[in-house]
């Protein structure tokens, strides 16, 4: 019996594709509990791989020692501060609610004369300030306290999942340590897979993915760390209560591309309401400088990480954050960067064909 050519055996091709798809879906289903930790660990290792190589070189080329140092650094820089911040908010939620309730005893002073001279927003800011001074803080506290109490109660209600979150962090650390120890083999396997899919373009797409991840880590994460640290220093010097907790909130806002202003402006208002005009003015000037810091630092760092359009990176960061949560900060820019380069290469093919036709 003559065998039907594979190109003509449509049923066989469809069954093969369905079987492969079923195997992929089944594998992802089995790995689903570990996918979040695996993605996070991969992003962290790819972003910090050059640093790990420098640590390894400083330790005399010992990979095991370098992996230990990097894992401990992740533990102290990522897991410990976040856990402490969450526990602090949970333990002091009643104090924070009581502090909000004491706002009713404060008097809102009238806006200073210089605020009218602030470009663009001066008149509007003075008008809103005057409105707050007129209605008084008692009404403001009465309106705000239920919402803050509800938000803190919800946050405390999530404490039951704190153990699961810590377990997720530990799993991320373990996977990251494994990837640190076998990074070259893992990277080579991914590059070979990319080459198998699309030859040189597939391998280049894999390399570009790593560059995009490092660009986001440099441009977004480092900028968020610098901004939140600077903002936290200003809050602490100005004597703002719970400066550590507010710094953590600022870091989250900076990661989300919102910036520190949502925390710094209320802090400035609190200093003014406390009657310390000098420190309020100094903190206001300092807050403006910190709020504008990302406009200078972030583009420089992103350019160092990857030669990609800034608009593409920002769209990927914000869109990924909205679509996939915090992990979307890395996934969004990576997907857009790879798609952009592949589309760019595909469009460039027509130029090469035109040049070849002219040569003929």
Protein backbone atom coordinates (compact mmCIF):
# COMPACT_ATOMS: atom_id res chain seq x y z
CA UNK A 1 0.00 0.00 0.00
CA UNK A 2 1.37 3.38 -1.02
CA UNK A 3 1.83 5.75 1.95
CA UNK A 4 -0.01 9.05 1.74
CA UNK A 5 2.47 11.99 1.69
CA UNK A 6 2.46 13.92 4.93
CA UNK A 7 1.76 17.17 3.11
CA UNK A 8 -1.51 15.72 1.83
CA UNK A 9 -2.54 13.86 5.00
CA UNK A 10 -4.61 16.70 6.53
CA UNK A 11 -6.16 14.51 9.23
CA UNK A 12 -2.73 13.36 10.43
CA UNK A 13 -1.44 16.94 10.57
CA UNK A 14 -4.50 18.10 12.53
CA UNK A 15 -4.18 15.23 15.02
CA UNK A 16 -0.47 15.90 15.50
CA UNK A 17 -1.14 19.61 16.17
CA UNK A 18 -3.98 18.75 18.57
CA UNK A 19 -1.80 16.25 20.42
CA UNK A 20 1.05 18.74 20.78
CA UNK A 21 -1.38 21.41 21.96
CA UNK A 22 -2.88 18.98 24.48
CA UNK A 23 0.59 18.13 25.83
CA UNK A 24 1.47 21.83 26.18
CA UNK A 25 -1.78 22.67 27.97
CA UNK A 26 -1.41 19.64 30.27
CA UNK A 27 2.16 20.57 31.12
CA UNK A 28 1.16 24.17 31.92
CA UNK A 29 -1.72 22.89 34.04
CA UNK A 30 0.60 20.65 36.04
CA UNK A 31 3.14 23.46 36.47
CA UNK A 32 0.49 26.11 37.21
CA UNK A 33 1.27 26.29 40.98
CA UNK A 34 4.91 27.04 40.13
CA UNK A 35 4.51 29.30 37.11
CA UNK A 36 4.34 32.55 39.08
CA UNK A 37 7.50 31.77 41.04
CA UNK A 38 9.23 30.51 37.90
CA UNK A 39 8.45 33.68 35.94
CA UNK A 40 9.54 35.92 38.80
CA UNK A 41 12.74 33.96 39.33
CA UNK A 42 13.53 34.07 35.61
CA UNK A 43 13.01 37.83 35.43
CA UNK A 44 15.16 38.43 38.51
CA UNK A 45 17.99 36.18 37.32
CA UNK A 46 18.02 37.64 33.81
CA UNK A 47 18.02 41.20 35.18
CA UNK A 48 20.78 40.57 37.71
CA UNK A 49 22.92 38.08 35.74
CA UNK A 50 25.71 40.60 34.93
CA UNK A 51 25.87 41.48 38.63
CA UNK A 52 26.11 37.80 39.55
CA UNK A 53 29.06 37.36 37.17
CA UNK A 54 30.84 40.31 38.81
CA UNK A 55 30.23 38.81 42.25
CA UNK A 56 31.56 35.47 41.01
CA UNK A 57 34.68 37.16 39.65
CA UNK A 58 35.21 38.98 42.95
CA UNK A 59 34.95 35.64 44.81
CA UNK A 60 37.66 33.99 42.73
CA UNK A 61 35.36 32.37 40.16
CA UNK A 62 33.46 30.24 42.69
CA UNK A 63 29.93 29.87 41.37
CA UNK A 64 28.54 28.34 44.56
CA UNK A 65 29.70 31.24 46.70
CA UNK A 66 28.33 33.76 44.20
CA UNK A 67 24.94 32.00 44.12
CA UNK A 68 24.82 32.07 47.93
CA UNK A 69 25.62 35.79 48.04
CA UNK A 70 23.00 36.65 45.39
CA UNK A 71 20.33 34.52 47.08
CA UNK A 72 20.97 36.09 50.48
CA UNK A 73 20.92 39.55 48.88
CA UNK A 74 17.51 38.79 47.35
CA UNK A 75 16.30 37.56 50.72
CA UNK A 76 17.30 40.73 52.54
CA UNK A 77 16.43 43.21 49.80
CA UNK A 78 13.10 41.79 48.60
CA UNK A 79 11.50 39.38 51.04
CA UNK A 80 12.44 40.86 54.42
CA UNK A 81 11.46 44.53 53.77
CA UNK A 82 8.12 43.63 52.18
CA UNK A 83 7.23 41.24 54.98
CA UNK A 84 8.17 43.80 57.64
CA UNK A 85 6.11 46.51 55.91
CA UNK A 86 3.03 44.28 55.71
CA UNK A 87 3.33 43.21 59.33
CA UNK A 88 3.84 46.83 60.42
CA UNK A 89 0.65 47.98 58.72
CA UNK A 90 -1.30 45.06 60.16
CA UNK A 91 0.02 45.56 63.70
CA UNK A 92 -0.55 49.33 63.70
CA UNK A 93 -3.80 49.58 61.78
CA UNK A 94 -5.66 50.79 64.90
CA UNK A 95 -3.04 53.48 65.53
CA UNK A 96 -3.31 54.68 61.94
CA UNK A 97 -7.10 54.89 62.20
CA UNK A 98 -6.79 56.80 65.48
CA UNK A 99 -4.28 59.17 63.90
CA UNK A 100 -6.78 59.88 61.14
CA UNK A 101 -9.45 60.51 63.76
CA UNK A 102 -7.24 63.11 65.49
CA UNK A 103 -7.31 65.22 62.32
CA UNK A 104 -10.53 66.70 63.63
CA UNK A 105 -8.54 68.57 66.29
CA UNK A 106 -6.25 70.25 63.77
CA UNK A 107 -6.93 73.61 62.18
CA UNK A 108 -6.30 74.06 58.48
CA UNK A 109 -4.50 77.40 58.02
CA UNK A 110 -5.37 79.61 55.06
CA UNK A 111 -3.19 79.17 51.97
CA UNK A 112 0.04 81.18 51.95
CA UNK A 113 0.21 84.11 49.55
CA UNK A 114 3.03 82.63 47.47
CA UNK A 115 0.95 79.63 46.42
CA UNK A 116 -0.94 81.85 43.97
CA UNK A 117 2.31 82.37 42.07
CA UNK A 118 2.88 78.67 41.37
CA UNK A 119 2.79 78.26 37.57
CA UNK A 120 -0.23 76.59 35.96
CA UNK A 121 -1.84 75.16 39.12
CA UNK A 122 -1.35 78.00 41.65
CA UNK A 123 -4.83 79.48 41.53
CA UNK A 124 -6.54 76.12 41.52
CA UNK A 125 -4.40 74.87 44.41
CA UNK A 126 -5.10 78.00 46.44
CA UNK A 127 -8.83 77.66 45.79
CA UNK A 128 -8.93 74.03 46.95
CA UNK A 129 -6.78 74.86 49.98
CA UNK A 130 -9.14 77.66 50.94
CA UNK A 131 -12.11 75.34 50.54
CA UNK A 132 -10.53 72.80 52.91
CA UNK A 133 -9.74 75.55 55.41
CA UNK A 134 -13.36 76.71 55.27
CA UNK A 135 -15.10 73.39 55.84
CA UNK A 136 -12.62 72.38 58.58
CA UNK A 137 -10.83 69.16 59.32
CA UNK A 138 -13.60 67.66 61.46
CA UNK A 139 -15.79 67.10 58.45
CA UNK A 140 -12.84 65.85 56.41
CA UNK A 141 -11.84 63.36 59.10
CA UNK A 142 -15.42 62.18 59.46
CA UNK A 143 -15.66 61.53 55.75
CA UNK A 144 -12.23 59.93 55.37
CA UNK A 145 -12.05 57.75 58.48
CA UNK A 146 -14.61 55.09 57.37
CA UNK A 147 -12.83 54.59 54.05
CA UNK A 148 -9.41 54.31 55.65
CA UNK A 149 -10.74 51.96 58.34
CA UNK A 150 -12.36 49.81 55.65
CA UNK A 151 -9.17 49.72 53.58
CA UNK A 152 -7.04 48.76 56.59
CA UNK A 153 -9.54 46.11 57.63
CA UNK A 154 -9.39 44.60 54.14
CA UNK A 155 -5.61 44.69 54.25
CA UNK A 156 -5.60 42.97 57.63
CA UNK A 157 -8.02 40.39 56.27
CA UNK A 158 -5.42 39.39 53.74
CA UNK A 159 -3.07 38.40 56.55
CA UNK A 160 -4.37 34.85 56.24
CA UNK A 161 -2.61 34.66 52.90
CA UNK A 162 0.65 36.02 54.29
CA UNK A 163 2.01 32.51 54.84
CA UNK A 164 1.19 31.58 51.25
CA UNK A 165 2.90 34.73 50.01
CA UNK A 166 6.03 34.00 52.05
CA UNK A 167 6.02 30.45 50.68
CA UNK A 168 5.78 31.90 47.17
CA UNK A 169 8.79 34.13 47.88
CA UNK A 170 10.79 31.19 49.23
CA UNK A 171 9.96 29.14 46.14
CA UNK A 172 11.06 32.05 43.97
CA UNK A 173 14.37 32.19 45.84
CA UNK A 174 14.95 28.45 45.39
CA UNK A 175 14.23 28.58 41.65
CA UNK A 176 16.39 31.69 41.27
CA UNK A 177 19.28 29.94 43.04
CA UNK A 178 18.96 26.98 40.66
CA UNK A 179 18.94 29.31 37.65
CA UNK A 180 21.96 31.19 38.99
CA UNK A 181 23.84 27.91 39.33
CA UNK A 182 22.93 26.70 35.83
CA UNK A 183 22.37 29.98 34.00
CA UNK A 184 24.55 29.25 30.98
CA UNK A 185 22.88 25.90 30.30
CA UNK A 186 19.40 27.39 30.66
CA UNK A 187 20.22 30.33 28.39
CA UNK A 188 21.75 28.04 25.78
CA UNK A 189 18.65 25.85 25.82
CA UNK A 190 16.34 28.83 25.33
CA UNK A 191 18.49 30.18 22.49
CA UNK A 192 18.49 26.77 20.77
CA UNK A 193 14.71 26.66 21.10
CA UNK A 194 14.46 30.10 19.52
CA UNK A 195 16.78 29.05 16.69
CA UNK A 196 14.70 25.92 16.14
CA UNK A 197 11.57 28.05 15.79
CA UNK A 198 12.87 30.85 13.56
CA UNK A 199 16.58 30.33 12.86
CA UNK A 200 18.66 33.47 13.49
CA UNK A 201 15.60 35.63 14.12
CA UNK A 202 14.39 33.32 16.85
CA UNK A 203 17.75 33.40 18.62
CA UNK A 204 17.93 37.18 18.26
CA UNK A 205 14.44 37.43 19.75
CA UNK A 206 15.61 35.49 22.81
CA UNK A 207 18.60 37.81 23.24
CA UNK A 208 16.34 40.83 22.81
CA UNK A 209 14.02 39.50 25.50
CA UNK A 210 16.88 39.47 27.97
CA UNK A 211 17.86 43.01 26.99
CA UNK A 212 14.28 44.22 27.44
CA UNK A 213 14.06 42.64 30.89
CA UNK A 214 17.32 44.30 31.95
CA UNK A 215 16.16 47.62 30.51
CA UNK A 216 12.99 47.50 32.60
CA UNK A 217 14.92 46.41 35.68
CA UNK A 218 17.33 49.31 35.24
CA UNK A 219 14.83 51.93 34.16
CA UNK A 220 11.80 51.11 36.27
CA UNK A 221 12.99 49.19 39.30
CA UNK A 222 16.17 51.17 39.98
CA UNK A 223 14.33 54.45 39.45
CA UNK A 224 11.60 53.33 41.85
CA UNK A 225 14.19 52.38 44.46
CA UNK A 226 16.00 55.72 44.14
CA UNK A 227 12.78 57.75 44.20
CA UNK A 228 11.27 55.91 47.15
CA UNK A 229 14.54 56.11 49.11
CA UNK A 230 14.82 59.84 48.44
CA UNK A 231 11.16 60.38 49.33
CA UNK A 232 11.47 58.30 52.49
CA UNK A 233 14.51 60.31 53.57
CA UNK A 234 12.55 63.54 53.12
CA UNK A 235 9.60 62.18 55.09
CA UNK A 236 11.84 61.03 57.93
CA UNK A 237 13.72 64.34 58.14
CA UNK A 238 10.44 66.28 58.11
CA UNK A 239 9.15 64.19 61.00
CA UNK A 240 6.24 62.54 59.16
CA UNK A 241 4.76 59.66 61.20
CA UNK A 242 5.13 56.11 59.83
CA UNK A 243 7.75 57.21 57.30
CA UNK A 244 8.83 53.59 56.70
CA UNK A 245 5.30 52.45 55.81
CA UNK A 246 4.78 55.48 53.56
CA UNK A 247 8.10 54.76 51.84
CA UNK A 248 6.88 51.26 51.02
CA UNK A 249 3.67 52.70 49.57
CA UNK A 250 5.74 55.17 47.52
CA UNK A 251 7.84 52.31 46.15
CA UNK A 252 4.70 50.47 45.00
CA UNK A 253 3.35 53.67 43.39
CA UNK A 254 6.67 54.25 41.60
CA UNK A 255 6.64 50.68 40.31
CA UNK A 256 3.11 51.30 39.01
CA UNK A 257 4.39 54.41 37.18
CA UNK A 258 2.20 56.69 39.30
CA UNK A 259 5.02 58.37 41.18
CA UNK A 260 5.52 59.51 44.77
CA UNK A 261 3.37 62.64 44.58
CA UNK A 262 0.22 60.90 45.85
CA UNK A 263 1.98 60.38 49.18
CA UNK A 264 4.27 63.42 49.28
CA UNK A 265 1.57 66.05 48.68
CA UNK A 266 -0.62 64.87 51.60
CA UNK A 267 2.55 64.77 53.72
CA UNK A 268 3.30 68.39 52.79
CA UNK A 269 -0.28 69.35 53.65
CA UNK A 270 0.02 67.57 57.01
CA UNK A 271 3.17 69.55 57.86
CA UNK A 272 1.42 72.82 56.96
CA UNK A 273 -1.63 71.88 59.03
CA UNK A 274 0.68 71.14 61.93
CA UNK A 275 1.71 74.79 61.81
CA UNK A 276 5.32 74.31 60.65
CA UNK A 277 5.37 76.51 57.55
CA UNK A 278 9.15 76.38 57.09
CA UNK A 279 9.38 72.59 57.03
CA UNK A 280 6.25 72.42 54.89
CA UNK A 281 7.81 74.69 52.28
CA UNK A 282 11.11 72.79 52.35
CA UNK A 283 9.31 69.46 51.99
CA UNK A 284 7.22 70.86 49.12
CA UNK A 285 10.33 71.94 47.19
CA UNK A 286 12.01 68.62 47.94
CA UNK A 287 8.88 66.71 46.83
CA UNK A 288 8.82 68.49 43.48
CA UNK A 289 12.49 67.58 42.91
CA UNK A 290 11.88 63.92 43.86
CA UNK A 291 8.76 63.77 41.69
CA UNK A 292 10.70 64.97 38.65
CA UNK A 293 13.65 62.67 39.27
CA UNK A 294 12.25 59.81 37.20
CA UNK A 295 11.98 62.01 34.10
CA UNK A 296 15.78 62.26 34.06
CA UNK A 297 16.96 58.99 35.55
CA UNK A 298 14.62 56.48 33.92
CA UNK A 299 15.36 57.30 30.23
CA UNK A 300 19.10 57.17 30.88
CA UNK A 301 18.88 53.75 32.54
CA UNK A 302 16.53 52.29 29.93
CA UNK A 303 18.84 53.39 27.13
CA UNK A 304 21.70 51.62 28.87
CA UNK A 305 19.69 48.41 29.07
CA UNK A 306 18.38 48.15 25.50
CA UNK A 307 18.29 50.24 22.36
CA UNK A 308 14.50 50.39 22.14
CA UNK A 309 12.05 53.30 21.78
CA UNK A 310 11.13 54.72 25.16
CA UNK A 311 7.47 54.92 24.14
CA UNK A 312 7.51 51.18 23.46
CA UNK A 313 8.99 50.44 26.88
CA UNK A 314 6.54 52.72 28.72
CA UNK A 315 3.57 51.28 26.84
CA UNK A 316 4.74 47.78 27.72
CA UNK A 317 5.28 48.66 31.38
CA UNK A 318 1.90 50.35 31.89
CA UNK A 319 -0.08 47.94 29.69
CA UNK A 320 1.61 44.91 31.22
CA UNK A 321 0.94 46.21 34.73
CA UNK A 322 -2.75 46.69 33.95
CA UNK A 323 -3.12 43.38 32.14
CA UNK A 324 -0.96 41.02 34.20
CA UNK A 325 -0.27 42.73 37.52
CA UNK A 326 3.21 43.44 38.83
CA UNK A 327 4.81 40.68 36.76
CA UNK A 328 3.47 42.51 33.70
CA UNK A 329 6.15 45.15 34.32
CA UNK A 330 8.56 42.68 32.72
CA UNK A 331 6.26 40.64 30.51
CA UNK A 332 4.69 43.64 28.77
CA UNK A 333 7.90 45.35 27.56
CA UNK A 334 9.44 41.99 26.62
CA UNK A 335 6.50 40.97 24.42
CA UNK A 336 6.30 44.39 22.75
CA UNK A 337 10.06 44.54 22.21
CA UNK A 338 10.24 41.11 20.57
CA UNK A 339 7.17 41.83 18.43
CA UNK A 340 8.62 45.19 17.40
CA UNK A 341 11.97 43.70 16.35
CA UNK A 342 10.39 40.79 14.47
CA UNK A 343 8.02 43.14 12.67
CA UNK A 344 10.92 45.46 11.87
CA UNK A 345 12.95 42.56 10.43
CA UNK A 346 9.97 41.29 8.42
CA UNK A 347 9.40 44.74 6.89
CA UNK A 348 13.12 45.05 6.12
CA UNK A 349 12.90 41.89 3.98
CA UNK A 350 11.13 43.84 1.23
CA UNK A 351 14.03 46.30 1.11
CA UNK A 352 16.54 43.48 0.65
CA UNK A 353 14.38 41.92 -2.08
CA UNK A 354 14.16 45.28 -3.86
CA UNK A 355 17.93 45.67 -3.72
CA UNK A 356 18.40 42.17 -5.06
CA UNK A 357 15.96 42.80 -7.91
CA UNK A 358 17.78 46.00 -8.88
CA UNK A 359 21.08 44.13 -8.90
CA UNK A 360 19.68 41.59 -11.31
